[in-house]
Amino acid sequence: KREVNLVGVWAAVEKAYQERLVEEHALTLALYREQRDARFELAAD
């Protein structure tokens, strides 16, 4: 595992998959963030 850098390769591939998913769902994530922030503001009020 050390010789082939399994953990490093695994982490790099996992990161790439996650970044691609974030890009593919950017609009949905932005809408979620807006709604969440609005709810936090209402709760603070």
ModelCIF file with pLDDT and N, C-alpha, C, O atoms, coordinates in Angstrom:
data_MODEL
#
_entry.id   MODEL 
#
_entity.id                         1 
_entity.type                       polymer 
_entity.pdbx_number_of_molecules   1 
#
_entity_poly.entity_id                      1 
_entity_poly.type                           'polypeptide(L)' 
_entity_poly.nstd_linkage                   no 
_entity_poly.nstd_monomer                   no 
_entity_poly.pdbx_seq_one_letter_code       KREVNLVGVWAAVEKAYQERLVEEHALTLALYREQRDARFELAAD 
_entity_poly.pdbx_seq_one_letter_code_can   KREVNLVGVWAAVEKAYQERLVEEHALTLALYREQRDARFELAAD 
_entity_poly.pdbx_strand_id                 A 
#
loop_
_entity_poly_seq.entity_id 
_entity_poly_seq.num 
_entity_poly_seq.mon_id 
_entity_poly_seq.hetero 
1 1  LYS n 
1 2  ARG n 
1 3  GLU n 
1 4  VAL n 
1 5  ASN n 
1 6  LEU n 
1 7  VAL n 
1 8  GLY n 
1 9  VAL n 
1 10 TRP n 
1 11 ALA n 
1 12 ALA n 
1 13 VAL n 
1 14 GLU n 
1 15 LYS n 
1 16 ALA n 
1 17 TYR n 
1 18 GLN n 
1 19 GLU n 
1 20 ARG n 
1 21 LEU n 
1 22 VAL n 
1 23 GLU n 
1 24 GLU n 
1 25 HIS n 
1 26 ALA n 
1 27 LEU n 
1 28 THR n 
1 29 LEU n 
1 30 ALA n 
1 31 LEU n 
1 32 TYR n 
1 33 ARG n 
1 34 GLU n 
1 35 GLN n 
1 36 ARG n 
1 37 ASP n 
1 38 ALA n 
1 39 ARG n 
1 40 PHE n 
1 41 GLU n 
1 42 LEU n 
1 43 ALA n 
1 44 ALA n 
1 45 ASP n 
#
_struct_asym.id          A 
_struct_asym.entity_id   1 
#
loop_
_ma_qa_metric.id 
_ma_qa_metric.mode 
_ma_qa_metric.name 
_ma_qa_metric.software_group_id 
_ma_qa_metric.type 
1 global pLDDT . pLDDT 
2 local  pLDDT . pLDDT 
#
_ma_qa_metric_global.metric_id      1 
_ma_qa_metric_global.metric_value   97.02 
_ma_qa_metric_global.model_id       1 
_ma_qa_metric_global.ordinal_id     1 
#
loop_
_ma_qa_metric_local.label_asym_id 
_ma_qa_metric_local.label_comp_id 
_ma_qa_metric_local.label_seq_id 
_ma_qa_metric_local.metric_id 
_ma_qa_metric_local.metric_value 
_ma_qa_metric_local.model_id 
_ma_qa_metric_local.ordinal_id 
A LYS 1  2 90.00 1 1  
A ARG 2  2 92.00 1 2  
A GLU 3  2 93.00 1 3  
A VAL 4  2 95.00 1 4  
A ASN 5  2 96.00 1 5  
A LEU 6  2 96.00 1 6  
A VAL 7  2 96.00 1 7  
A GLY 8  2 97.00 1 8  
A VAL 9  2 97.00 1 9  
A TRP 10 2 97.00 1 10 
A ALA 11 2 98.00 1 11 
A ALA 12 2 98.00 1 12 
A VAL 13 2 98.00 1 13 
A GLU 14 2 98.00 1 14 
A LYS 15 2 98.00 1 15 
A ALA 16 2 98.00 1 16 
A TYR 17 2 98.00 1 17 
A GLN 18 2 98.00 1 18 
A GLU 19 2 98.00 1 19 
A ARG 20 2 98.00 1 20 
A LEU 21 2 98.00 1 21 
A VAL 22 2 98.00 1 22 
A GLU 23 2 98.00 1 23 
A GLU 24 2 98.00 1 24 
A HIS 25 2 98.00 1 25 
A ALA 26 2 98.00 1 26 
A LEU 27 2 98.00 1 27 
A THR 28 2 98.00 1 28 
A LEU 29 2 98.00 1 29 
A ALA 30 2 98.00 1 30 
A LEU 31 2 98.00 1 31 
A TYR 32 2 98.00 1 32 
A ARG 33 2 98.00 1 33 
A GLU 34 2 98.00 1 34 
A GLN 35 2 98.00 1 35 
A ARG 36 2 98.00 1 36 
A ASP 37 2 98.00 1 37 
A ALA 38 2 98.00 1 38 
A ARG 39 2 97.00 1 39 
A PHE 40 2 97.00 1 40 
A GLU 41 2 97.00 1 41 
A LEU 42 2 96.00 1 42 
A ALA 43 2 96.00 1 43 
A ALA 44 2 96.00 1 44 
A ASP 45 2 94.00 1 45 
#
loop_
_atom_site.group_PDB 
_atom_site.id 
_atom_site.type_symbol 
_atom_site.label_atom_id 
_atom_site.label_alt_id 
_atom_site.label_comp_id 
_atom_site.label_asym_id 
_atom_site.label_entity_id 
_atom_site.label_seq_id 
_atom_site.pdbx_PDB_ins_code 
_atom_site.Cartn_x 
_atom_site.Cartn_y 
_atom_site.Cartn_z 
_atom_site.occupancy 
_atom_site.B_iso_or_equiv 
_atom_site.pdbx_formal_charge 
_atom_site.auth_seq_id 
_atom_site.auth_comp_id 
_atom_site.auth_asym_id 
_atom_site.auth_atom_id 
_atom_site.pdbx_PDB_model_num 
ATOM 1   N N  . LYS A 1 1  ? 0.831   -1.205 0.000   1.00 90.00 ? 1  LYS A N  1 
ATOM 2   C CA . LYS A 1 1  ? 0.000   0.000  0.000   1.00 90.00 ? 1  LYS A CA 1 
ATOM 3   C C  . LYS A 1 1  ? 0.865   1.254  0.000   1.00 90.00 ? 1  LYS A C  1 
ATOM 4   O O  . LYS A 1 1  ? 0.567   2.224  -0.697  1.00 90.00 ? 1  LYS A O  1 
ATOM 5   N N  . ARG A 1 2  ? 1.945   1.227  0.792   1.00 92.00 ? 2  ARG A N  1 
ATOM 6   C CA . ARG A 1 2  ? 2.849   2.381  0.840   1.00 92.00 ? 2  ARG A CA 1 
ATOM 7   C C  . ARG A 1 2  ? 3.589   2.555  -0.481  1.00 92.00 ? 2  ARG A C  1 
ATOM 8   O O  . ARG A 1 2  ? 3.765   3.676  -0.957  1.00 92.00 ? 2  ARG A O  1 
ATOM 9   N N  . GLU A 1 3  ? 4.018   1.452  -1.067  1.00 93.00 ? 3  GLU A N  1 
ATOM 10  C CA . GLU A 1 3  ? 4.791   1.524  -2.302  1.00 93.00 ? 3  GLU A CA 1 
ATOM 11  C C  . GLU A 1 3  ? 3.986   2.113  -3.457  1.00 93.00 ? 3  GLU A C  1 
ATOM 12  O O  . GLU A 1 3  ? 4.535   2.821  -4.301  1.00 93.00 ? 3  GLU A O  1 
ATOM 13  N N  . VAL A 1 4  ? 2.708   1.827  -3.494  1.00 95.00 ? 4  VAL A N  1 
ATOM 14  C CA . VAL A 1 4  ? 1.865   2.353  -4.580  1.00 95.00 ? 4  VAL A CA 1 
ATOM 15  C C  . VAL A 1 4  ? 1.108   3.612  -4.168  1.00 95.00 ? 4  VAL A C  1 
ATOM 16  O O  . VAL A 1 4  ? 0.303   4.147  -4.930  1.00 95.00 ? 4  VAL A O  1 
ATOM 17  N N  . ASN A 1 5  ? 1.382   4.075  -2.945  1.00 96.00 ? 5  ASN A N  1 
ATOM 18  C CA . ASN A 1 5  ? 0.732   5.289  -2.422  1.00 96.00 ? 5  ASN A CA 1 
ATOM 19  C C  . ASN A 1 5  ? -0.791  5.163  -2.490  1.00 96.00 ? 5  ASN A C  1 
ATOM 20  O O  . ASN A 1 5  ? -1.482  6.065  -2.964  1.00 96.00 ? 5  ASN A O  1 
ATOM 21  N N  . LEU A 1 6  ? -1.292  4.040  -2.013  1.00 96.00 ? 6  LEU A N  1 
ATOM 22  C CA . LEU A 1 6  ? -2.725  3.764  -2.091  1.00 96.00 ? 6  LEU A CA 1 
ATOM 23  C C  . LEU A 1 6  ? -3.563  4.871  -1.463  1.00 96.00 ? 6  LEU A C  1 
ATOM 24  O O  . LEU A 1 6  ? -4.535  5.332  -2.062  1.00 96.00 ? 6  LEU A O  1 
ATOM 25  N N  . VAL A 1 7  ? -3.195  5.295  -0.271  1.00 96.00 ? 7  VAL A N  1 
ATOM 26  C CA . VAL A 1 7  ? -3.998  6.308  0.421   1.00 96.00 ? 7  VAL A CA 1 
ATOM 27  C C  . VAL A 1 7  ? -3.968  7.637  -0.334  1.00 96.00 ? 7  VAL A C  1 
ATOM 28  O O  . VAL A 1 7  ? -4.997  8.302  -0.452  1.00 96.00 ? 7  VAL A O  1 
ATOM 29  N N  . GLY A 1 8  ? -2.817  8.024  -0.839  1.00 97.00 ? 8  GLY A N  1 
ATOM 30  C CA . GLY A 1 8  ? -2.713  9.274  -1.595  1.00 97.00 ? 8  GLY A CA 1 
ATOM 31  C C  . GLY A 1 8  ? -3.516  9.248  -2.881  1.00 97.00 ? 8  GLY A C  1 
ATOM 32  O O  . GLY A 1 8  ? -4.199  10.213 -3.222  1.00 97.00 ? 8  GLY A O  1 
ATOM 33  N N  . VAL A 1 9  ? -3.428  8.132  -3.591  1.00 97.00 ? 9  VAL A N  1 
ATOM 34  C CA . VAL A 1 9  ? -4.194  7.993  -4.842  1.00 97.00 ? 9  VAL A CA 1 
ATOM 35  C C  . VAL A 1 9  ? -5.678  7.965  -4.539  1.00 97.00 ? 9  VAL A C  1 
ATOM 36  O O  . VAL A 1 9  ? -6.475  8.615  -5.215  1.00 97.00 ? 9  VAL A O  1 
ATOM 37  N N  . TRP A 1 10 ? -6.042  7.210  -3.522  1.00 97.00 ? 10 TRP A N  1 
ATOM 38  C CA . TRP A 1 10 ? -7.445  7.101  -3.124  1.00 97.00 ? 10 TRP A CA 1 
ATOM 39  C C  . TRP A 1 10 ? -8.003  8.483  -2.787  1.00 97.00 ? 10 TRP A C  1 
ATOM 40  O O  . TRP A 1 10 ? -9.091  8.842  -3.235  1.00 97.00 ? 10 TRP A O  1 
ATOM 41  N N  . ALA A 1 11 ? -7.263  9.249  -2.003  1.00 98.00 ? 11 ALA A N  1 
ATOM 42  C CA . ALA A 1 11 ? -7.720  10.582 -1.605  1.00 98.00 ? 11 ALA A CA 1 
ATOM 43  C C  . ALA A 1 11 ? -7.857  11.504 -2.814  1.00 98.00 ? 11 ALA A C  1 
ATOM 44  O O  . ALA A 1 11 ? -8.812  12.275 -2.901  1.00 98.00 ? 11 ALA A O  1 
ATOM 45  N N  . ALA A 1 12 ? -6.915  11.429 -3.740  1.00 98.00 ? 12 ALA A N  1 
ATOM 46  C CA . ALA A 1 12 ? -6.969  12.287 -4.929  1.00 98.00 ? 12 ALA A CA 1 
ATOM 47  C C  . ALA A 1 12 ? -8.172  11.949 -5.803  1.00 98.00 ? 12 ALA A C  1 
ATOM 48  O O  . ALA A 1 12 ? -8.845  12.845 -6.312  1.00 98.00 ? 12 ALA A O  1 
ATOM 49  N N  . VAL A 1 13 ? -8.440  10.664 -5.975  1.00 98.00 ? 13 VAL A N  1 
ATOM 50  C CA . VAL A 1 13 ? -9.589  10.247 -6.788  1.00 98.00 ? 13 VAL A CA 1 
ATOM 51  C C  . VAL A 1 13 ? -10.886 10.646 -6.107  1.00 98.00 ? 13 VAL A C  1 
ATOM 52  O O  . VAL A 1 13 ? -11.802 11.147 -6.759  1.00 98.00 ? 13 VAL A O  1 
ATOM 53  N N  . GLU A 1 14 ? -10.971 10.429 -4.805  1.00 98.00 ? 14 GLU A N  1 
ATOM 54  C CA . GLU A 1 14 ? -12.176 10.806 -4.057  1.00 98.00 ? 14 GLU A CA 1 
ATOM 55  C C  . GLU A 1 14 ? -12.424 12.308 -4.166  1.00 98.00 ? 14 GLU A C  1 
ATOM 56  O O  . GLU A 1 14 ? -13.559 12.739 -4.366  1.00 98.00 ? 14 GLU A O  1 
ATOM 57  N N  . LYS A 1 15 ? -11.371 13.099 -4.036  1.00 98.00 ? 15 LYS A N  1 
ATOM 58  C CA . LYS A 1 15 ? -11.489 14.554 -4.149  1.00 98.00 ? 15 LYS A CA 1 
ATOM 59  C C  . LYS A 1 15 ? -12.002 14.944 -5.534  1.00 98.00 ? 15 LYS A C  1 
ATOM 60  O O  . LYS A 1 15 ? -12.871 15.806 -5.656  1.00 98.00 ? 15 LYS A O  1 
ATOM 61  N N  . ALA A 1 16 ? -11.465 14.310 -6.573  1.00 98.00 ? 16 ALA A N  1 
ATOM 62  C CA . ALA A 1 16 ? -11.894 14.617 -7.940  1.00 98.00 ? 16 ALA A CA 1 
ATOM 63  C C  . ALA A 1 16 ? -13.368 14.302 -8.134  1.00 98.00 ? 16 ALA A C  1 
ATOM 64  O O  . ALA A 1 16 ? -14.095 15.084 -8.747  1.00 98.00 ? 16 ALA A O  1 
ATOM 65  N N  . TYR A 1 17 ? -13.818 13.154 -7.613  1.00 98.00 ? 17 TYR A N  1 
ATOM 66  C CA . TYR A 1 17 ? -15.238 12.805 -7.712  1.00 98.00 ? 17 TYR A CA 1 
ATOM 67  C C  . TYR A 1 17 ? -16.109 13.841 -6.997  1.00 98.00 ? 17 TYR A C  1 
ATOM 68  O O  . TYR A 1 17 ? -17.137 14.267 -7.523  1.00 98.00 ? 17 TYR A O  1 
ATOM 69  N N  . GLN A 1 18 ? -15.690 14.240 -5.800  1.00 98.00 ? 18 GLN A N  1 
ATOM 70  C CA . GLN A 1 18 ? -16.470 15.209 -5.038  1.00 98.00 ? 18 GLN A CA 1 
ATOM 71  C C  . GLN A 1 18 ? -16.522 16.565 -5.738  1.00 98.00 ? 18 GLN A C  1 
ATOM 72  O O  . GLN A 1 18 ? -17.571 17.208 -5.777  1.00 98.00 ? 18 GLN A O  1 
ATOM 73  N N  . GLU A 1 19 ? -15.398 16.992 -6.286  1.00 98.00 ? 19 GLU A N  1 
ATOM 74  C CA . GLU A 1 19 ? -15.384 18.277 -6.996  1.00 98.00 ? 19 GLU A CA 1 
ATOM 75  C C  . GLU A 1 19 ? -16.293 18.232 -8.215  1.00 98.00 ? 19 GLU A C  1 
ATOM 76  O O  . GLU A 1 19 ? -16.980 19.208 -8.516  1.00 98.00 ? 19 GLU A O  1 
ATOM 77  N N  . ARG A 1 20 ? -16.299 17.108 -8.916  1.00 98.00 ? 20 ARG A N  1 
ATOM 78  C CA . ARG A 1 20 ? -17.176 16.981 -10.086 1.00 98.00 ? 20 ARG A CA 1 
ATOM 79  C C  . ARG A 1 20 ? -18.640 17.026 -9.672  1.00 98.00 ? 20 ARG A C  1 
ATOM 80  O O  . ARG A 1 20 ? -19.457 17.655 -10.343 1.00 98.00 ? 20 ARG A O  1 
ATOM 81  N N  . LEU A 1 21 ? -18.974 16.364 -8.571  1.00 98.00 ? 21 LEU A N  1 
ATOM 82  C CA . LEU A 1 21 ? -20.357 16.388 -8.097  1.00 98.00 ? 21 LEU A CA 1 
ATOM 83  C C  . LEU A 1 21 ? -20.780 17.797 -7.680  1.00 98.00 ? 21 LEU A C  1 
ATOM 84  O O  . LEU A 1 21 ? -21.909 18.210 -7.946  1.00 98.00 ? 21 LEU A O  1 
ATOM 85  N N  . VAL A 1 22 ? -19.889 18.526 -7.036  1.00 98.00 ? 22 VAL A N  1 
ATOM 86  C CA . VAL A 1 22 ? -20.195 19.901 -6.638  1.00 98.00 ? 22 VAL A CA 1 
ATOM 87  C C  . VAL A 1 22 ? -20.451 20.754 -7.880  1.00 98.00 ? 22 VAL A C  1 
ATOM 88  O O  . VAL A 1 22 ? -21.391 21.549 -7.907  1.00 98.00 ? 22 VAL A O  1 
ATOM 89  N N  . GLU A 1 23 ? -19.617 20.589 -8.902  1.00 98.00 ? 23 GLU A N  1 
ATOM 90  C CA . GLU A 1 23 ? -19.815 21.349 -10.146 1.00 98.00 ? 23 GLU A CA 1 
ATOM 91  C C  . GLU A 1 23 ? -21.137 20.985 -10.817 1.00 98.00 ? 23 GLU A C  1 
ATOM 92  O O  . GLU A 1 23 ? -21.861 21.863 -11.286 1.00 98.00 ? 23 GLU A O  1 
ATOM 93  N N  . GLU A 1 24 ? -21.449 19.693 -10.863 1.00 98.00 ? 24 GLU A N  1 
ATOM 94  C CA . GLU A 1 24 ? -22.677 19.244 -11.520 1.00 98.00 ? 24 GLU A CA 1 
ATOM 95  C C  . GLU A 1 24 ? -23.929 19.722 -10.794 1.00 98.00 ? 24 GLU A C  1 
ATOM 96  O O  . GLU A 1 24 ? -24.978 19.905 -11.411 1.00 98.00 ? 24 GLU A O  1 
ATOM 97  N N  . HIS A 1 25 ? -23.819 19.922 -9.489  1.00 98.00 ? 25 HIS A N  1 
ATOM 98  C CA . HIS A 1 25 ? -24.985 20.297 -8.695  1.00 98.00 ? 25 HIS A CA 1 
ATOM 99  C C  . HIS A 1 25 ? -24.844 21.696 -8.099  1.00 98.00 ? 25 HIS A C  1 
ATOM 100 O O  . HIS A 1 25 ? -25.422 21.990 -7.053  1.00 98.00 ? 25 HIS A O  1 
ATOM 101 N N  . ALA A 1 26 ? -24.084 22.545 -8.758  1.00 98.00 ? 26 ALA A N  1 
ATOM 102 C CA . ALA A 1 26 ? -23.800 23.881 -8.239  1.00 98.00 ? 26 ALA A CA 1 
ATOM 103 C C  . ALA A 1 26 ? -25.079 24.691 -8.029  1.00 98.00 ? 26 ALA A C  1 
ATOM 104 O O  . ALA A 1 26 ? -25.215 25.365 -7.008  1.00 98.00 ? 26 ALA A O  1 
ATOM 105 N N  . LEU A 1 27 ? -26.002 24.636 -8.963  1.00 98.00 ? 27 LEU A N  1 
ATOM 106 C CA . LEU A 1 27 ? -27.238 25.408 -8.833  1.00 98.00 ? 27 LEU A CA 1 
ATOM 107 C C  . LEU A 1 27 ? -28.057 24.935 -7.634  1.00 98.00 ? 27 LEU A C  1 
ATOM 108 O O  . LEU A 1 27 ? -28.529 25.748 -6.840  1.00 98.00 ? 27 LEU A O  1 
ATOM 109 N N  . THR A 1 28 ? -28.219 23.643 -7.507  1.00 98.00 ? 28 THR A N  1 
ATOM 110 C CA . THR A 1 28 ? -28.975 23.093 -6.379  1.00 98.00 ? 28 THR A CA 1 
ATOM 111 C C  . THR A 1 28 ? -28.319 23.475 -5.055  1.00 98.00 ? 28 THR A C  1 
ATOM 112 O O  . THR A 1 28 ? -29.005 23.860 -4.108  1.00 98.00 ? 28 THR A O  1 
ATOM 113 N N  . LEU A 1 29 ? -27.001 23.369 -4.989  1.00 98.00 ? 29 LEU A N  1 
ATOM 114 C CA . LEU A 1 29 ? -26.289 23.724 -3.763  1.00 98.00 ? 29 LEU A CA 1 
ATOM 115 C C  . LEU A 1 29 ? -26.424 25.210 -3.443  1.00 98.00 ? 29 LEU A C  1 
ATOM 116 O O  . LEU A 1 29 ? -26.558 25.582 -2.277  1.00 98.00 ? 29 LEU A O  1 
ATOM 117 N N  . ALA A 1 30 ? -26.391 26.055 -4.458  1.00 98.00 ? 30 ALA A N  1 
ATOM 118 C CA . ALA A 1 30 ? -26.545 27.499 -4.238  1.00 98.00 ? 30 ALA A CA 1 
ATOM 119 C C  . ALA A 1 30 ? -27.939 27.817 -3.722  1.00 98.00 ? 30 ALA A C  1 
ATOM 120 O O  . ALA A 1 30 ? -28.093 28.632 -2.813  1.00 98.00 ? 30 ALA A O  1 
ATOM 121 N N  . LEU A 1 31 ? -28.956 27.180 -4.293  1.00 98.00 ? 31 LEU A N  1 
ATOM 122 C CA . LEU A 1 31 ? -30.331 27.399 -3.820  1.00 98.00 ? 31 LEU A CA 1 
ATOM 123 C C  . LEU A 1 31 ? -30.501 26.923 -2.389  1.00 98.00 ? 31 LEU A C  1 
ATOM 124 O O  . LEU A 1 31 ? -31.157 27.580 -1.581  1.00 98.00 ? 31 LEU A O  1 
ATOM 125 N N  . TYR A 1 32 ? -29.915 25.790 -2.082  1.00 98.00 ? 32 TYR A N  1 
ATOM 126 C CA . TYR A 1 32 ? -29.974 25.277 -0.711  1.00 98.00 ? 32 TYR A CA 1 
ATOM 127 C C  . TYR A 1 32 ? -29.333 26.273 0.248   1.00 98.00 ? 32 TYR A C  1 
ATOM 128 O O  . TYR A 1 32 ? -29.885 26.569 1.308   1.00 98.00 ? 32 TYR A O  1 
ATOM 129 N N  . ARG A 1 33 ? -28.156 26.792 -0.134  1.00 98.00 ? 33 ARG A N  1 
ATOM 130 C CA . ARG A 1 33 ? -27.441 27.731 0.727   1.00 98.00 ? 33 ARG A CA 1 
ATOM 131 C C  . ARG A 1 33 ? -28.285 28.977 0.970   1.00 98.00 ? 33 ARG A C  1 
ATOM 132 O O  . ARG A 1 33 ? -28.354 29.470 2.096   1.00 98.00 ? 33 ARG A O  1 
ATOM 133 N N  . GLU A 1 34 ? -28.928 29.489 -0.079  1.00 98.00 ? 34 GLU A N  1 
ATOM 134 C CA . GLU A 1 34 ? -29.774 30.681 0.065   1.00 98.00 ? 34 GLU A CA 1 
ATOM 135 C C  . GLU A 1 34 ? -30.938 30.406 1.020   1.00 98.00 ? 34 GLU A C  1 
ATOM 136 O O  . GLU A 1 34 ? -31.226 31.219 1.899   1.00 98.00 ? 34 GLU A O  1 
ATOM 137 N N  . GLN A 1 35 ? -31.601 29.270 0.848   1.00 98.00 ? 35 GLN A N  1 
ATOM 138 C CA . GLN A 1 35 ? -32.727 28.925 1.711   1.00 98.00 ? 35 GLN A CA 1 
ATOM 139 C C  . GLN A 1 35 ? -32.284 28.731 3.156   1.00 98.00 ? 35 GLN A C  1 
ATOM 140 O O  . GLN A 1 35 ? -32.958 29.170 4.089   1.00 98.00 ? 35 GLN A O  1 
ATOM 141 N N  . ARG A 1 36 ? -31.144 28.069 3.330   1.00 98.00 ? 36 ARG A N  1 
ATOM 142 C CA . ARG A 1 36 ? -30.620 27.849 4.681   1.00 98.00 ? 36 ARG A CA 1 
ATOM 143 C C  . ARG A 1 36 ? -30.307 29.173 5.363   1.00 98.00 ? 36 ARG A C  1 
ATOM 144 O O  . ARG A 1 36 ? -30.664 29.378 6.523   1.00 98.00 ? 36 ARG A O  1 
ATOM 145 N N  . ASP A 1 37 ? -29.643 30.068 4.644   1.00 98.00 ? 37 ASP A N  1 
ATOM 146 C CA . ASP A 1 37 ? -29.301 31.370 5.215   1.00 98.00 ? 37 ASP A CA 1 
ATOM 147 C C  . ASP A 1 37 ? -30.551 32.164 5.573   1.00 98.00 ? 37 ASP A C  1 
ATOM 148 O O  . ASP A 1 37 ? -30.593 32.820 6.614   1.00 98.00 ? 37 ASP A O  1 
ATOM 149 N N  . ALA A 1 38 ? -31.566 32.109 4.718   1.00 98.00 ? 38 ALA A N  1 
ATOM 150 C CA . ALA A 1 38 ? -32.813 32.816 5.000   1.00 98.00 ? 38 ALA A CA 1 
ATOM 151 C C  . ALA A 1 38 ? -33.477 32.249 6.255   1.00 98.00 ? 38 ALA A C  1 
ATOM 152 O O  . ALA A 1 38 ? -34.008 33.001 7.072   1.00 98.00 ? 38 ALA A O  1 
ATOM 153 N N  . ARG A 1 39 ? -33.447 30.942 6.404   1.00 97.00 ? 39 ARG A N  1 
ATOM 154 C CA . ARG A 1 39 ? -34.042 30.324 7.598   1.00 97.00 ? 39 ARG A CA 1 
ATOM 155 C C  . ARG A 1 39 ? -33.266 30.698 8.855   1.00 97.00 ? 39 ARG A C  1 
ATOM 156 O O  . ARG A 1 39 ? -33.866 30.917 9.908   1.00 97.00 ? 39 ARG A O  1 
ATOM 157 N N  . PHE A 1 40 ? -31.945 30.773 8.761   1.00 97.00 ? 40 PHE A N  1 
ATOM 158 C CA . PHE A 1 40 ? -31.140 31.191 9.909   1.00 97.00 ? 40 PHE A CA 1 
ATOM 159 C C  . PHE A 1 40 ? -31.480 32.616 10.301  1.00 97.00 ? 40 PHE A C  1 
ATOM 160 O O  . PHE A 1 40 ? -31.567 32.935 11.487  1.00 97.00 ? 40 PHE A O  1 
ATOM 161 N N  . GLU A 1 41 ? -31.675 33.480 9.302   1.00 97.00 ? 41 GLU A N  1 
ATOM 162 C CA . GLU A 1 41 ? -32.039 34.870 9.602   1.00 97.00 ? 41 GLU A CA 1 
ATOM 163 C C  . GLU A 1 41 ? -33.405 34.939 10.295  1.00 97.00 ? 41 GLU A C  1 
ATOM 164 O O  . GLU A 1 41 ? -33.581 35.681 11.262  1.00 97.00 ? 41 GLU A O  1 
ATOM 165 N N  . LEU A 1 42 ? -34.369 34.158 9.791   1.00 96.00 ? 42 LEU A N  1 
ATOM 166 C CA . LEU A 1 42 ? -35.693 34.137 10.425  1.00 96.00 ? 42 LEU A CA 1 
ATOM 167 C C  . LEU A 1 42 ? -35.596 33.621 11.857  1.00 96.00 ? 42 LEU A C  1 
ATOM 168 O O  . LEU A 1 42 ? -36.217 34.174 12.765  1.00 96.00 ? 42 LEU A O  1 
ATOM 169 N N  . ALA A 1 43 ? -34.825 32.574 12.052  1.00 96.00 ? 43 ALA A N  1 
ATOM 170 C CA . ALA A 1 43 ? -34.665 32.017 13.408  1.00 96.00 ? 43 ALA A CA 1 
ATOM 171 C C  . ALA A 1 43 ? -34.010 33.030 14.340  1.00 96.00 ? 43 ALA A C  1 
ATOM 172 O O  . ALA A 1 43 ? -34.385 33.122 15.509  1.00 96.00 ? 43 ALA A O  1 
ATOM 173 N N  . ALA A 1 44 ? -33.046 33.786 13.846  1.00 96.00 ? 44 ALA A N  1 
ATOM 174 C CA . ALA A 1 44 ? -32.370 34.793 14.669  1.00 96.00 ? 44 ALA A CA 1 
ATOM 175 C C  . ALA A 1 44 ? -33.349 35.887 15.053  1.00 96.00 ? 44 ALA A C  1 
ATOM 176 O O  . ALA A 1 44 ? -33.277 36.423 16.159  1.00 96.00 ? 44 ALA A O  1 
ATOM 177 N N  . ASP A 1 45 ? -34.266 36.224 14.152  1.00 94.00 ? 45 ASP A N  1 
ATOM 178 C CA . ASP A 1 45 ? -35.261 37.258 14.445  1.00 94.00 ? 45 ASP A CA 1 
ATOM 179 C C  . ASP A 1 45 ? -36.242 36.812 15.512  1.00 94.00 ? 45 ASP A C  1 
ATOM 180 O O  . ASP A 1 45 ? -37.144 37.567 15.875  1.00 94.00 ? 45 ASP A O  1 
#
